[in-house]
All heavy atoms as atom14 arrays in JSON, in Angstrom:
{
  "sequence": "VGGGNTAAADTIYLSRICRSVRLVHRRDKLRATAIYTQRLLDLKNVE",
  "atom14_mask": [
    [1, 1, 1, 1, 1, 1, 1, 0, 0, 0, 0, 0, 0, 0],
    [1, 1, 1, 1, 0, 0, 0, 0, 0, 0, 0, 0, 0, 0],
    [1, 1, 1, 1, 0, 0, 0, 0, 0, 0, 0, 0, 0, 0],
    [1, 1, 1, 1, 0, 0, 0, 0, 0, 0, 0, 0, 0, 0],
    [1, 1, 1, 1, 1, 1, 1, 1, 0, 0, 0, 0, 0, 0],
    [1, 1, 1, 1, 1, 1, 1, 0, 0, 0, 0, 0, 0, 0],
    [1, 1, 1, 1, 1, 0, 0, 0, 0, 0, 0, 0, 0, 0],
    [1, 1, 1, 1, 1, 0, 0, 0, 0, 0, 0, 0, 0, 0],
    [1, 1, 1, 1, 1, 0, 0, 0, 0, 0, 0, 0, 0, 0],
    [1, 1, 1, 1, 1, 1, 1, 1, 0, 0, 0, 0, 0, 0],
    [1, 1, 1, 1, 1, 1, 1, 0, 0, 0, 0, 0, 0, 0],
    [1, 1, 1, 1, 1, 1, 1, 1, 0, 0, 0, 0, 0, 0],
    [1, 1, 1, 1, 1, 1, 1, 1, 1, 1, 1, 1, 0, 0],
    [1, 1, 1, 1, 1, 1, 1, 1, 0, 0, 0, 0, 0, 0],
    [1, 1, 1, 1, 1, 1, 0, 0, 0, 0, 0, 0, 0, 0],
    [1, 1, 1, 1, 1, 1, 1, 1, 1, 1, 1, 0, 0, 0],
    [1, 1, 1, 1, 1, 1, 1, 1, 0, 0, 0, 0, 0, 0],
    [1, 1, 1, 1, 1, 1, 0, 0, 0, 0, 0, 0, 0, 0],
    [1, 1, 1, 1, 1, 1, 1, 1, 1, 1, 1, 0, 0, 0],
    [1, 1, 1, 1, 1, 1, 0, 0, 0, 0, 0, 0, 0, 0],
    [1, 1, 1, 1, 1, 1, 1, 0, 0, 0, 0, 0, 0, 0],
    [1, 1, 1, 1, 1, 1, 1, 1, 1, 1, 1, 0, 0, 0],
    [1, 1, 1, 1, 1, 1, 1, 1, 0, 0, 0, 0, 0, 0],
    [1, 1, 1, 1, 1, 1, 1, 0, 0, 0, 0, 0, 0, 0],
    [1, 1, 1, 1, 1, 1, 1, 1, 1, 1, 0, 0, 0, 0],
    [1, 1, 1, 1, 1, 1, 1, 1, 1, 1, 1, 0, 0, 0],
    [1, 1, 1, 1, 1, 1, 1, 1, 1, 1, 1, 0, 0, 0],
    [1, 1, 1, 1, 1, 1, 1, 1, 0, 0, 0, 0, 0, 0],
    [1, 1, 1, 1, 1, 1, 1, 1, 1, 0, 0, 0, 0, 0],
    [1, 1, 1, 1, 1, 1, 1, 1, 0, 0, 0, 0, 0, 0],
    [1, 1, 1, 1, 1, 1, 1, 1, 1, 1, 1, 0, 0, 0],
    [1, 1, 1, 1, 1, 0, 0, 0, 0, 0, 0, 0, 0, 0],
    [1, 1, 1, 1, 1, 1, 1, 0, 0, 0, 0, 0, 0, 0],
    [1, 1, 1, 1, 1, 0, 0, 0, 0, 0, 0, 0, 0, 0],
    [1, 1, 1, 1, 1, 1, 1, 1, 0, 0, 0, 0, 0, 0],
    [1, 1, 1, 1, 1, 1, 1, 1, 1, 1, 1, 1, 0, 0],
    [1, 1, 1, 1, 1, 1, 1, 0, 0, 0, 0, 0, 0, 0],
    [1, 1, 1, 1, 1, 1, 1, 1, 1, 0, 0, 0, 0, 0],
    [1, 1, 1, 1, 1, 1, 1, 1, 1, 1, 1, 0, 0, 0],
    [1, 1, 1, 1, 1, 1, 1, 1, 0, 0, 0, 0, 0, 0],
    [1, 1, 1, 1, 1, 1, 1, 1, 0, 0, 0, 0, 0, 0],
    [1, 1, 1, 1, 1, 1, 1, 1, 0, 0, 0, 0, 0, 0],
    [1, 1, 1, 1, 1, 1, 1, 1, 0, 0, 0, 0, 0, 0],
    [1, 1, 1, 1, 1, 1, 1, 1, 1, 0, 0, 0, 0, 0],
    [1, 1, 1, 1, 1, 1, 1, 1, 0, 0, 0, 0, 0, 0],
    [1, 1, 1, 1, 1, 1, 1, 0, 0, 0, 0, 0, 0, 0],
    [1, 1, 1, 1, 1, 1, 1, 1, 1, 0, 0, 0, 0, 0]
  ],
  "atom14_positions": [
    [[-6.32, -24.07, -22.07], [-6.08, -22.76, -21.58], [-6.21, -22.65, -20.05], [-7.24, -23.15, -19.5], [-7.0, -21.67, -22.31], [-8.45, -21.98, -22.07], [-6.65, -20.29, -21.86], [0.0, 0.0, 0.0], [0.0, 0.0, 0.0], [0.0, 0.0, 0.0], [0.0, 0.0, 0.0], [0.0, 0.0, 0.0], [0.0, 0.0, 0.0], [0.0, 0.0, 0.0]],
    [[-5.22, -22.1, -19.38], [-5.21, -21.98, -17.96], [-3.83, -22.19, -17.4], [-2.9, -22.52, -18.11], [0.0, 0.0, 0.0], [0.0, 0.0, 0.0], [0.0, 0.0, 0.0], [0.0, 0.0, 0.0], [0.0, 0.0, 0.0], [0.0, 0.0, 0.0], [0.0, 0.0, 0.0], [0.0, 0.0, 0.0], [0.0, 0.0, 0.0], [0.0, 0.0, 0.0]],
    [[-3.63, -21.88, -16.06], [-2.31, -21.98, -15.5], [-2.25, -22.61, -14.13], [-1.23, -22.76, -13.51], [0.0, 0.0, 0.0], [0.0, 0.0, 0.0], [0.0, 0.0, 0.0], [0.0, 0.0, 0.0], [0.0, 0.0, 0.0], [0.0, 0.0, 0.0], [0.0, 0.0, 0.0], [0.0, 0.0, 0.0], [0.0, 0.0, 0.0], [0.0, 0.0, 0.0]],
    [[-3.39, -23.14, -13.68], [-3.5, -23.77, -12.32], [-3.34, -25.24, -12.38], [-3.0, -25.87, -13.45], [0.0, 0.0, 0.0], [0.0, 0.0, 0.0], [0.0, 0.0, 0.0], [0.0, 0.0, 0.0], [0.0, 0.0, 0.0], [0.0, 0.0, 0.0], [0.0, 0.0, 0.0], [0.0, 0.0, 0.0], [0.0, 0.0, 0.0], [0.0, 0.0, 0.0]],
    [[-3.7, -25.87, -11.25], [-3.56, -27.31, -11.18], [-4.5, -28.07, -12.11], [-4.13, -29.05, -12.63], [-3.83, -27.75, -9.71], [-2.63, -27.52, -8.74], [-1.52, -27.32, -9.2], [-2.89, -27.32, -7.49], [0.0, 0.0, 0.0], [0.0, 0.0, 0.0], [0.0, 0.0, 0.0], [0.0, 0.0, 0.0], [0.0, 0.0, 0.0], [0.0, 0.0, 0.0]],
    [[-5.71, -27.51, -12.29], [-6.57, -28.12, -13.17], [-6.12, -28.15, -14.63], [-6.23, -29.18, -15.3], [-7.98, -27.45, -13.05], [-8.48, -27.58, -11.71], [-9.03, -28.13, -13.93], [0.0, 0.0, 0.0], [0.0, 0.0, 0.0], [0.0, 0.0, 0.0], [0.0, 0.0, 0.0], [0.0, 0.0, 0.0], [0.0, 0.0, 0.0], [0.0, 0.0, 0.0]],
    [[-5.59, -27.0, -15.06], [-5.15, -26.94, -16.42], [-3.98, -27.85, -16.64], [-3.86, -28.56, -17.61], [-4.7, -25.47, -16.69], [0.0, 0.0, 0.0], [0.0, 0.0, 0.0], [0.0, 0.0, 0.0], [0.0, 0.0, 0.0], [0.0, 0.0, 0.0], [0.0, 0.0, 0.0], [0.0, 0.0, 0.0], [0.0, 0.0, 0.0], [0.0, 0.0, 0.0]],
    [[-3.06, -27.93, -15.6], [-1.89, -28.82, -15.71], [-2.31, -30.32, -15.74], [-1.84, -31.11, -16.53], [-0.96, -28.56, -14.53], [0.0, 0.0, 0.0], [0.0, 0.0, 0.0], [0.0, 0.0, 0.0], [0.0, 0.0, 0.0], [0.0, 0.0, 0.0], [0.0, 0.0, 0.0], [0.0, 0.0, 0.0], [0.0, 0.0, 0.0], [0.0, 0.0, 0.0]],
    [[-3.28, -30.64, -14.88], [-3.74, -32.11, -14.78], [-4.48, -32.38, -16.1], [-4.32, -33.58, -16.56], [-4.65, -32.18, -13.62], [0.0, 0.0, 0.0], [0.0, 0.0, 0.0], [0.0, 0.0, 0.0], [0.0, 0.0, 0.0], [0.0, 0.0, 0.0], [0.0, 0.0, 0.0], [0.0, 0.0, 0.0], [0.0, 0.0, 0.0], [0.0, 0.0, 0.0]],
    [[-5.26, -31.49, -16.63], [-5.94, -31.77, -17.81], [-4.89, -31.97, -19.08], [-5.09, -32.89, -19.88], [-6.86, -30.52, -18.2], [-8.08, -30.56, -17.35], [-8.3, -31.44, -16.61], [-8.82, -29.55, -17.54], [0.0, 0.0, 0.0], [0.0, 0.0, 0.0], [0.0, 0.0, 0.0], [0.0, 0.0, 0.0], [0.0, 0.0, 0.0], [0.0, 0.0, 0.0]],
    [[-3.89, -31.17, -19.01], [-2.87, -31.26, -20.09], [-2.16, -32.64, -20.01], [-2.02, -33.36, -20.95], [-1.82, -30.17, -19.96], [-2.46, -28.9, -20.1], [-0.81, -30.25, -21.07], [0.0, 0.0, 0.0], [0.0, 0.0, 0.0], [0.0, 0.0, 0.0], [0.0, 0.0, 0.0], [0.0, 0.0, 0.0], [0.0, 0.0, 0.0], [0.0, 0.0, 0.0]],
    [[-1.85, -33.1, -18.83], [-1.15, -34.37, -18.61], [-2.07, -35.53, -19.06], [-1.69, -36.39, -19.72], [-0.78, -34.47, -17.14], [0.37, -33.54, -16.82], [-0.26, -35.94, -16.9], [0.7, -33.4, -15.38], [0.0, 0.0, 0.0], [0.0, 0.0, 0.0], [0.0, 0.0, 0.0], [0.0, 0.0, 0.0], [0.0, 0.0, 0.0], [0.0, 0.0, 0.0]],
    [[-3.36, -35.48, -18.6], [-4.35, -36.47, -19.0], [-4.4, -36.53, -20.58], [-4.36, -37.55, -21.21], [-5.64, -36.21, -18.41], [-6.83, -37.03, -18.92], [-6.86, -38.43, -18.68], [-7.77, -36.45, -19.75], [-7.94, -39.1, -19.23], [-8.79, -37.24, -20.27], [-8.85, -38.53, -20.01], [-9.89, -39.27, -20.53], [0.0, 0.0, 0.0], [0.0, 0.0, 0.0]],
    [[-4.63, -35.39, -21.19], [-4.91, -35.31, -22.62], [-3.66, -35.75, -23.36], [-3.73, -36.33, -24.51], [-5.28, -33.94, -23.07], [-6.67, -33.46, -22.52], [-6.89, -32.01, -22.76], [-7.76, -34.23, -23.3], [0.0, 0.0, 0.0], [0.0, 0.0, 0.0], [0.0, 0.0, 0.0], [0.0, 0.0, 0.0], [0.0, 0.0, 0.0], [0.0, 0.0, 0.0]],
    [[-2.45, -35.52, -22.9], [-1.23, -35.91, -23.52], [-1.11, -37.41, -23.83], [-0.4, -37.88, -24.67], [0.0, -35.45, -22.73], [0.23, -36.24, -21.61], [0.0, 0.0, 0.0], [0.0, 0.0, 0.0], [0.0, 0.0, 0.0], [0.0, 0.0, 0.0], [0.0, 0.0, 0.0], [0.0, 0.0, 0.0], [0.0, 0.0, 0.0], [0.0, 0.0, 0.0]],
    [[-1.82, -38.2, -23.01], [-1.83, -39.59, -23.08], [-2.74, -40.18, -24.16], [-2.64, -41.27, -24.6], [-2.24, -40.24, -21.75], [-1.24, -40.01, -20.58], [-1.41, -40.98, -19.42], [-2.64, -40.74, -18.72], [-2.78, -39.96, -17.71], [-1.68, -39.33, -17.22], [-3.92, -39.86, -17.06], [0.0, 0.0, 0.0], [0.0, 0.0, 0.0], [0.0, 0.0, 0.0]],
    [[-3.69, -39.28, -24.63], [-4.61, -39.79, -25.63], [-4.65, -38.97, -26.89], [-5.19, -39.37, -27.94], [-6.06, -39.91, -25.02], [-6.52, -38.51, -24.52], [-6.16, -40.95, -23.9], [-7.95, -38.52, -23.98], [0.0, 0.0, 0.0], [0.0, 0.0, 0.0], [0.0, 0.0, 0.0], [0.0, 0.0, 0.0], [0.0, 0.0, 0.0], [0.0, 0.0, 0.0]],
    [[-4.11, -37.78, -26.81], [-4.21, -36.87, -27.95], [-2.81, -36.81, -28.67], [-1.75, -37.12, -28.1], [-4.52, -35.43, -27.54], [-6.22, -35.28, -26.87], [0.0, 0.0, 0.0], [0.0, 0.0, 0.0], [0.0, 0.0, 0.0], [0.0, 0.0, 0.0], [0.0, 0.0, 0.0], [0.0, 0.0, 0.0], [0.0, 0.0, 0.0], [0.0, 0.0, 0.0]],
    [[-2.87, -36.43, -29.98], [-1.58, -36.46, -30.73], [-0.72, -35.34, -30.21], [0.5, -35.51, -30.07], [-1.93, -36.23, -32.21], [-0.67, -36.17, -33.1], [-1.16, -36.27, -34.55], [-2.18, -35.27, -34.85], [-3.0, -35.41, -35.88], [-2.99, -36.48, -36.61], [-3.96, -34.48, -36.12], [0.0, 0.0, 0.0], [0.0, 0.0, 0.0], [0.0, 0.0, 0.0]],
    [[-1.29, -34.2, -30.04], [-0.55, -33.06, -29.41], [-1.4, -32.23, -28.58], [-2.59, -32.11, -28.75], [0.09, -32.15, -30.54], [-0.99, -31.48, -31.18], [0.0, 0.0, 0.0], [0.0, 0.0, 0.0], [0.0, 0.0, 0.0], [0.0, 0.0, 0.0], [0.0, 0.0, 0.0], [0.0, 0.0, 0.0], [0.0, 0.0, 0.0], [0.0, 0.0, 0.0]],
    [[-0.85, -31.57, -27.56], [-1.53, -30.68, -26.67], [-0.7, -29.47, -26.5], [0.49, -29.48, -26.18], [-1.68, -31.37, -25.26], [-2.54, -30.43, -24.4], [-2.3, -32.74, -25.33], [0.0, 0.0, 0.0], [0.0, 0.0, 0.0], [0.0, 0.0, 0.0], [0.0, 0.0, 0.0], [0.0, 0.0, 0.0], [0.0, 0.0, 0.0], [0.0, 0.0, 0.0]],
    [[-1.35, -28.31, -26.64], [-0.66, -27.06, -26.44], [-1.32, -26.41, -25.27], [-2.63, -26.17, -25.16], [-0.83, -26.07, -27.58], [-0.16, -24.73, -27.37], [-0.26, -23.71, -28.43], [0.58, -24.17, -29.55], [1.01, -23.24, -30.52], [0.73, -22.0, -30.41], [1.79, -23.73, -31.43], [0.0, 0.0, 0.0], [0.0, 0.0, 0.0], [0.0, 0.0, 0.0]],
    [[-0.61, -26.1, -24.17], [-1.1, -25.42, -23.01], [-0.8, -23.93, -23.1], [0.31, -23.48, -23.29], [-0.43, -25.98, -21.77], [-0.78, -25.27, -20.4], [-2.23, -25.29, -20.09], [0.09, -25.85, -19.27], [0.0, 0.0, 0.0], [0.0, 0.0, 0.0], [0.0, 0.0, 0.0], [0.0, 0.0, 0.0], [0.0, 0.0, 0.0], [0.0, 0.0, 0.0]],
    [[-1.9, -23.18, -23.12], [-1.78, -21.7, -23.21], [-2.07, -21.01, -21.88], [-3.06, -21.25, -21.28], [-2.8, -21.17, -24.31], [-2.89, -19.68, -24.3], [-2.53, -21.76, -25.66], [0.0, 0.0, 0.0], [0.0, 0.0, 0.0], [0.0, 0.0, 0.0], [0.0, 0.0, 0.0], [0.0, 0.0, 0.0], [0.0, 0.0, 0.0], [0.0, 0.0, 0.0]],
    [[-1.09, -20.17, -21.54], [-1.19, -19.45, -20.3], [-0.83, -18.02, -20.44], [0.15, -17.65, -21.13], [-0.31, -20.11, -19.21], [-0.4, -19.5, -17.86], [-1.65, -19.17, -17.25], [0.5, -19.15, -16.96], [-1.4, -18.61, -16.07], [-0.08, -18.65, -15.86], [0.0, 0.0, 0.0], [0.0, 0.0, 0.0], [0.0, 0.0, 0.0], [0.0, 0.0, 0.0]],
    [[-1.55, -17.09, -19.88], [-1.29, -15.66, -20.07], [-0.13, -15.14, -19.36], [0.22, -14.0, -19.53], [-2.62, -14.87, -19.64], [-2.89, -15.05, -18.16], [-4.2, -14.38, -17.83], [-4.58, -14.62, -16.37], [-5.65, -14.09, -15.82], [-6.46, -13.35, -16.51], [-5.89, -14.38, -14.6], [0.0, 0.0, 0.0], [0.0, 0.0, 0.0], [0.0, 0.0, 0.0]],
    [[0.52, -15.92, -18.45], [1.67, -15.4, -17.79], [2.85, -16.26, -18.19], [2.82, -17.18, -18.97], [1.44, -15.46, -16.31], [0.32, -14.52, -15.84], [0.24, -14.46, -14.19], [-0.71, -13.47, -13.8], [-1.97, -13.75, -13.55], [-2.44, -14.98, -13.68], [-2.85, -12.83, -13.2], [0.0, 0.0, 0.0], [0.0, 0.0, 0.0], [0.0, 0.0, 0.0]],
    [[4.07, -15.91, -17.55], [5.24, -16.64, -17.96], [5.59, -17.76, -16.88], [6.67, -18.34, -16.93], [6.41, -15.62, -18.0], [6.7, -14.86, -16.73], [6.03, -15.07, -15.74], [7.63, -14.08, -16.79], [0.0, 0.0, 0.0], [0.0, 0.0, 0.0], [0.0, 0.0, 0.0], [0.0, 0.0, 0.0], [0.0, 0.0, 0.0], [0.0, 0.0, 0.0]],
    [[4.64, -17.99, -16.0], [4.82, -19.02, -15.02], [3.5, -19.58, -14.61], [2.56, -18.87, -14.47], [5.56, -18.42, -13.73], [5.91, -19.53, -12.66], [6.67, -18.8, -11.51], [7.01, -19.82, -10.49], [7.67, -19.16, -9.28], [0.0, 0.0, 0.0], [0.0, 0.0, 0.0], [0.0, 0.0, 0.0], [0.0, 0.0, 0.0], [0.0, 0.0, 0.0]],
    [[3.44, -20.91, -14.43], [2.17, -21.57, -14.03], [1.9, -21.3, -12.53], [2.79, -21.16, -11.72], [2.23, -23.1, -14.28], [2.39, -23.51, -15.72], [2.52, -24.97, -15.79], [1.24, -23.06, -16.58], [0.0, 0.0, 0.0], [0.0, 0.0, 0.0], [0.0, 0.0, 0.0], [0.0, 0.0, 0.0], [0.0, 0.0, 0.0], [0.0, 0.0, 0.0]],
    [[0.66, -21.27, -12.19], [0.22, -21.25, -10.8], [0.27, -22.66, -10.23], [0.16, -22.82, -8.97], [-1.19, -20.64, -10.61], [-1.31, -19.27, -11.14], [-2.65, -18.62, -10.75], [-3.75, -19.54, -11.06], [-4.36, -19.65, -12.25], [-3.94, -18.89, -13.25], [-5.36, -20.44, -12.48], [0.0, 0.0, 0.0], [0.0, 0.0, 0.0], [0.0, 0.0, 0.0]],
    [[0.25, -23.63, -11.05], [0.2, -25.01, -10.61], [1.41, -25.41, -9.77], [2.46, -24.74, -9.79], [0.19, -25.95, -11.84], [0.0, 0.0, 0.0], [0.0, 0.0, 0.0], [0.0, 0.0, 0.0], [0.0, 0.0, 0.0], [0.0, 0.0, 0.0], [0.0, 0.0, 0.0], [0.0, 0.0, 0.0], [0.0, 0.0, 0.0], [0.0, 0.0, 0.0]],
    [[1.29, -26.38, -8.89], [2.26, -26.88, -8.06], [3.47, -27.37, -8.87], [3.34, -27.77, -9.99], [1.78, -27.92, -7.06], [1.25, -28.97, -7.82], [0.77, -27.39, -6.14], [0.0, 0.0, 0.0], [0.0, 0.0, 0.0], [0.0, 0.0, 0.0], [0.0, 0.0, 0.0], [0.0, 0.0, 0.0], [0.0, 0.0, 0.0], [0.0, 0.0, 0.0]],
    [[4.67, -27.31, -8.25], [5.86, -27.63, -8.96], [5.89, -29.03, -9.58], [6.49, -29.21, -10.65], [7.09, -27.49, -7.99], [0.0, 0.0, 0.0], [0.0, 0.0, 0.0], [0.0, 0.0, 0.0], [0.0, 0.0, 0.0], [0.0, 0.0, 0.0], [0.0, 0.0, 0.0], [0.0, 0.0, 0.0], [0.0, 0.0, 0.0], [0.0, 0.0, 0.0]],
    [[5.29, -29.96, -8.94], [5.34, -31.38, -9.43], [4.61, -31.41, -10.85], [5.08, -32.16, -11.78], [4.76, -32.38, -8.52], [4.94, -33.79, -8.89], [3.24, -32.11, -8.21], [4.62, -34.84, -7.94], [0.0, 0.0, 0.0], [0.0, 0.0, 0.0], [0.0, 0.0, 0.0], [0.0, 0.0, 0.0], [0.0, 0.0, 0.0], [0.0, 0.0, 0.0]],
    [[3.56, -30.63, -11.0], [2.88, -30.61, -12.25], [3.73, -29.97, -13.34], [3.79, -30.45, -14.46], [1.58, -29.82, -12.18], [0.43, -30.61, -11.59], [-0.32, -30.06, -10.57], [0.05, -31.8, -12.12], [-1.48, -30.74, -10.07], [-1.0, -32.51, -11.66], [-1.81, -32.01, -10.62], [-2.86, -32.71, -10.13], [0.0, 0.0, 0.0], [0.0, 0.0, 0.0]],
    [[4.42, -28.89, -13.01], [5.22, -28.17, -13.95], [6.32, -29.08, -14.5], [6.59, -29.1, -15.7], [5.87, -26.96, -13.34], [4.88, -26.07, -12.86], [6.68, -26.16, -14.35], [0.0, 0.0, 0.0], [0.0, 0.0, 0.0], [0.0, 0.0, 0.0], [0.0, 0.0, 0.0], [0.0, 0.0, 0.0], [0.0, 0.0, 0.0], [0.0, 0.0, 0.0]],
    [[7.01, -29.82, -13.65], [8.08, -30.74, -14.12], [7.54, -31.82, -14.95], [8.17, -32.17, -16.02], [8.75, -31.35, -12.93], [10.0, -32.1, -13.28], [10.96, -31.31, -14.1], [11.41, -30.23, -13.71], [11.36, -31.76, -15.23], [0.0, 0.0, 0.0], [0.0, 0.0, 0.0], [0.0, 0.0, 0.0], [0.0, 0.0, 0.0], [0.0, 0.0, 0.0]],
    [[6.37, -32.38, -14.67], [5.76, -33.36, -15.53], [5.46, -32.82, -16.9], [5.67, -33.55, -17.87], [4.52, -33.93, -14.83], [4.71, -34.81, -13.66], [3.44, -35.36, -13.12], [3.63, -36.13, -11.89], [2.66, -36.62, -11.21], [1.36, -36.39, -11.51], [2.88, -37.31, -10.06], [0.0, 0.0, 0.0], [0.0, 0.0, 0.0], [0.0, 0.0, 0.0]],
    [[4.91, -31.65, -16.97], [4.64, -31.03, -18.24], [5.84, -30.89, -19.07], [5.79, -31.16, -20.31], [3.94, -29.69, -18.0], [2.47, -29.69, -17.46], [2.01, -28.29, -17.11], [1.59, -30.33, -18.45], [0.0, 0.0, 0.0], [0.0, 0.0, 0.0], [0.0, 0.0, 0.0], [0.0, 0.0, 0.0], [0.0, 0.0, 0.0], [0.0, 0.0, 0.0]],
    [[6.9, -30.43, -18.52], [8.15, -30.18, -19.21], [8.71, -31.5, -19.76], [9.42, -31.54, -20.78], [9.14, -29.48, -18.37], [8.81, -28.07, -17.97], [9.83, -27.47, -17.0], [8.72, -27.11, -19.15], [0.0, 0.0, 0.0], [0.0, 0.0, 0.0], [0.0, 0.0, 0.0], [0.0, 0.0, 0.0], [0.0, 0.0, 0.0], [0.0, 0.0, 0.0]],
    [[8.38, -32.57, -19.13], [8.89, -33.93, -19.56], [8.1, -34.54, -20.74], [8.57, -35.62, -21.28], [9.0, -34.85, -18.36], [10.09, -34.52, -17.35], [10.98, -33.71, -17.67], [9.92, -34.89, -16.2], [0.0, 0.0, 0.0], [0.0, 0.0, 0.0], [0.0, 0.0, 0.0], [0.0, 0.0, 0.0], [0.0, 0.0, 0.0], [0.0, 0.0, 0.0]],
    [[6.94, -34.01, -21.0], [6.09, -34.65, -21.97], [6.51, -34.23, -23.4], [6.58, -32.98, -23.68], [4.66, -34.24, -21.74], [4.09, -34.85, -20.43], [2.73, -34.21, -20.14], [3.98, -36.39, -20.46], [0.0, 0.0, 0.0], [0.0, 0.0, 0.0], [0.0, 0.0, 0.0], [0.0, 0.0, 0.0], [0.0, 0.0, 0.0], [0.0, 0.0, 0.0]],
    [[6.68, -35.11, -24.32], [7.21, -34.87, -25.62], [6.19, -34.25, -26.51], [6.49, -33.51, -27.48], [7.69, -36.14, -26.28], [8.77, -36.93, -25.47], [10.03, -36.0, -25.29], [11.09, -36.75, -24.58], [12.28, -35.88, -24.2], [0.0, 0.0, 0.0], [0.0, 0.0, 0.0], [0.0, 0.0, 0.0], [0.0, 0.0, 0.0], [0.0, 0.0, 0.0]],
    [[4.85, -34.52, -26.26], [3.88, -34.05, -27.23], [3.09, -32.81, -26.62], [1.97, -32.51, -27.0], [2.82, -35.16, -27.56], [2.09, -35.58, -26.35], [2.53, -35.54, -25.25], [0.9, -36.19, -26.61], [0.0, 0.0, 0.0], [0.0, 0.0, 0.0], [0.0, 0.0, 0.0], [0.0, 0.0, 0.0], [0.0, 0.0, 0.0], [0.0, 0.0, 0.0]],
    [[3.72, -32.17, -25.64], [3.11, -30.98, -25.04], [3.96, -29.79, -25.3], [5.18, -29.8, -25.13], [2.95, -31.2, -23.46], [2.52, -29.83, -22.84], [1.88, -32.27, -23.21], [0.0, 0.0, 0.0], [0.0, 0.0, 0.0], [0.0, 0.0, 0.0], [0.0, 0.0, 0.0], [0.0, 0.0, 0.0], [0.0, 0.0, 0.0], [0.0, 0.0, 0.0]],
    [[3.32, -28.71, -25.74], [3.98, -27.45, -25.98], [3.33, -26.36, -25.02], [2.03, -26.33, -24.95], [3.9, -27.05, -27.42], [4.52, -25.65, -27.7], [4.22, -25.21, -29.16], [3.77, -26.12, -29.95], [4.61, -24.09, -29.53], [0.0, 0.0, 0.0], [0.0, 0.0, 0.0], [0.0, 0.0, 0.0], [0.0, 0.0, 0.0], [0.0, 0.0, 0.0]]
  ]
}
């Protein structure tokens, strides 16, 4: 849960070791930098 760089980095890290990761954010856009957002969208086991 979160929408900043830490939440994005945690999601990317966990996607490598967990079966599935759901990132929950209270808004419709992340506060994280653009490079994080693109990486998240490319991950198959992240929702």
